Amino acid sequence: QVQFVESGGGSVQAGGSLKLSCVISGFTHDTYCLGWFRQVPGKDHEGVAVIDNNGATFYADSVKGRFTISRDNAKNILYLEMNSLQPEDSAIYYCAADPDHYANAAALQALEYGHFYYSNDRGRGTQVTVSS
């Protein structure tokens, strides 16, 4: 059974940091492109970052320089380290995987539009709340 279990969210003040984790199980994902997206209730998804099987990364302009995506295939975990958090980063964060993408703008867009292969298998997400 394919599962994505996100954790690590919380409430922080602006300028603070959090590190999110996503434990992936149910399929072999070493060669997959992995990504984080976020959603504010009532609004569209926003692609945040992707990382491919070569370790290349691509970020949304809104988080570039503040967030770092990484993966540990041995532990089956995808990470998102978030620094200099701002109130506009408040959202529920989810992870997803796709076998065909490289880390680029097209992958981020596919993630944002729910077109990753495992987009529909997303977990419950983890809530991030940033206060000003």
Protein backbone atom coordinates (compact mmCIF):
# COMPACT_ATOMS: atom_id res chain seq x y z
CA GLN A 1 0.00 0.00 0.00
CA VAL A 2 1.42 3.34 -1.08
CA GLN A 3 1.71 5.76 1.81
CA PHE A 4 3.06 9.26 2.35
CA VAL A 5 3.21 10.33 5.99
CA GLU A 6 4.13 13.96 6.52
CA SER A 7 5.26 15.38 9.87
CA GLY A 8 7.27 18.16 11.44
CA GLY A 9 4.87 21.05 11.07
CA GLY A 10 4.01 23.44 13.86
CA SER A 11 3.49 27.05 14.88
CA VAL A 12 6.41 29.46 14.72
CA GLN A 13 6.96 33.19 14.60
CA ALA A 14 8.10 34.94 11.47
CA GLY A 15 11.79 34.34 10.91
CA GLY A 16 11.66 30.93 12.53
CA SER A 17 12.53 27.52 11.11
CA LEU A 18 10.96 24.10 10.75
CA LYS A 19 12.05 20.83 9.15
CA LEU A 20 9.37 18.69 7.58
CA SER A 21 9.66 14.96 6.95
CA CYS A 22 7.75 12.67 4.63
CA VAL A 23 8.06 8.92 5.13
CA ILE A 24 7.34 7.08 1.90
CA SER A 25 6.38 3.43 1.74
CA GLY A 26 4.68 0.90 -0.49
CA PHE A 27 6.87 1.26 -3.59
CA THR A 28 10.50 1.63 -4.56
CA HIS A 29 11.05 5.35 -5.12
CA ASP A 30 14.83 5.63 -5.48
CA THR A 31 14.49 6.64 -9.13
CA TYR A 32 11.46 8.85 -8.63
CA CYS A 33 11.19 12.60 -8.59
CA LEU A 34 9.88 13.66 -5.17
CA GLY A 35 8.26 16.92 -4.27
CA TRP A 36 6.54 19.08 -1.69
CA PHE A 37 3.45 21.13 -2.36
CA ARG A 38 1.27 23.18 -0.05
CA GLN A 39 -2.33 24.25 0.21
CA VAL A 40 -4.21 26.89 2.08
CA PRO A 41 -7.81 25.72 2.56
CA GLY A 42 -9.98 27.17 -0.16
CA LYS A 43 -7.03 28.00 -2.40
CA ASP A 44 -5.16 26.16 -5.12
CA HIS A 45 -2.13 23.97 -4.51
CA GLU A 46 1.27 25.62 -4.76
CA GLY A 47 4.29 23.60 -5.80
CA VAL A 48 7.13 24.27 -3.37
CA ALA A 49 10.14 22.17 -4.35
CA VAL A 50 11.16 19.02 -6.22
CA ILE A 51 14.20 16.75 -6.14
CA ASP A 52 14.98 14.10 -8.73
CA ASN A 53 16.89 10.84 -8.52
CA ASN A 54 20.14 12.61 -9.43
CA GLY A 55 19.77 14.95 -6.47
CA ALA A 56 18.99 17.97 -8.61
CA THR A 57 16.51 20.39 -7.08
CA PHE A 58 14.12 23.08 -8.24
CA TYR A 59 12.22 25.59 -6.11
CA ALA A 60 9.30 27.94 -6.41
CA ASP A 61 10.48 31.54 -6.55
CA SER A 62 8.58 32.25 -3.33
CA VAL A 63 10.79 29.88 -1.30
CA LYS A 64 14.08 29.98 -3.17
CA GLY A 65 16.99 30.69 -0.85
CA ARG A 66 14.91 29.92 2.26
CA PHE A 67 13.84 26.28 1.80
CA THR A 68 15.98 23.21 1.12
CA ILE A 69 14.61 19.91 -0.15
CA SER A 70 16.58 16.70 0.40
CA ARG A 71 16.05 12.97 0.38
CA ASP A 72 17.40 9.94 2.19
CA ASN A 73 16.55 6.93 0.07
CA ALA A 74 17.99 4.49 2.60
CA LYS A 75 15.55 5.76 5.21
CA ASN A 76 12.70 6.35 2.74
CA ILE A 77 12.36 9.94 3.89
CA LEU A 78 11.93 13.20 2.01
CA TYR A 79 12.78 16.40 3.89
CA LEU A 80 11.98 20.08 3.59
CA GLU A 81 14.06 22.42 5.70
CA MET A 82 12.37 25.79 5.98
CA ASN A 83 14.15 28.89 7.23
CA SER A 84 13.16 32.55 7.48
CA LEU A 85 9.53 31.54 7.56
CA GLN A 86 6.93 34.16 6.73
CA PRO A 87 3.17 34.28 7.41
CA GLU A 88 2.54 33.59 3.71
CA ASP A 89 4.23 30.20 4.18
CA SER A 90 1.35 29.11 6.41
CA ALA A 91 -0.36 26.12 4.78
CA ILE A 92 -0.75 22.37 4.93
CA TYR A 93 2.30 20.75 3.36
CA TYR A 94 2.12 17.50 1.39
CA CYS A 95 4.57 15.29 -0.50
CA ALA A 96 4.20 13.31 -3.72
CA ALA A 97 6.26 11.24 -6.16
CA ASP A 98 6.50 10.70 -9.90
CA PRO A 99 8.65 8.29 -11.94
CA ASP A 100 9.13 10.45 -15.03
CA HIS A 101 10.17 13.96 -14.05
CA TYR A 102 13.47 15.68 -13.57
CA ALA A 103 13.78 18.59 -11.17
CA ASN A 104 12.68 21.54 -13.26
CA ALA A 105 9.85 24.02 -13.78
CA ALA A 106 7.73 21.44 -15.59
CA ALA A 107 7.94 19.07 -12.64
CA LEU A 108 6.98 21.81 -10.21
CA GLN A 109 4.01 22.71 -12.36
CA ALA A 110 2.93 19.07 -12.64
CA LEU A 111 3.17 18.76 -8.87
CA GLU A 112 1.12 21.93 -8.45
CA TYR A 113 -1.62 20.73 -10.79
CA GLY A 114 -1.83 17.30 -9.17
CA HIS A 115 -0.27 15.54 -12.14
CA PHE A 116 2.38 13.63 -10.27
CA TYR A 117 1.83 9.86 -10.55
CA TYR A 118 1.14 9.52 -6.84
CA SER A 119 -0.60 12.88 -6.37
CA ASN A 120 -3.82 11.16 -5.39
CA ASP A 121 -2.10 9.09 -2.72
CA ARG A 122 -1.07 12.07 -0.65
CA GLY A 123 -1.14 11.79 3.12
CA ARG A 124 -2.87 13.99 5.64
CA GLY A 125 -0.21 16.63 5.36
CA THR A 126 1.41 18.63 8.11
CA GLN A 127 0.21 22.07 9.17
CA VAL A 128 2.64 24.97 9.21
CA THR A 129 1.48 28.19 10.86
CA VAL A 130 3.68 31.28 10.88
CA SER A 131 2.63 34.27 12.95
CA SER A 132 3.84 37.81 12.38
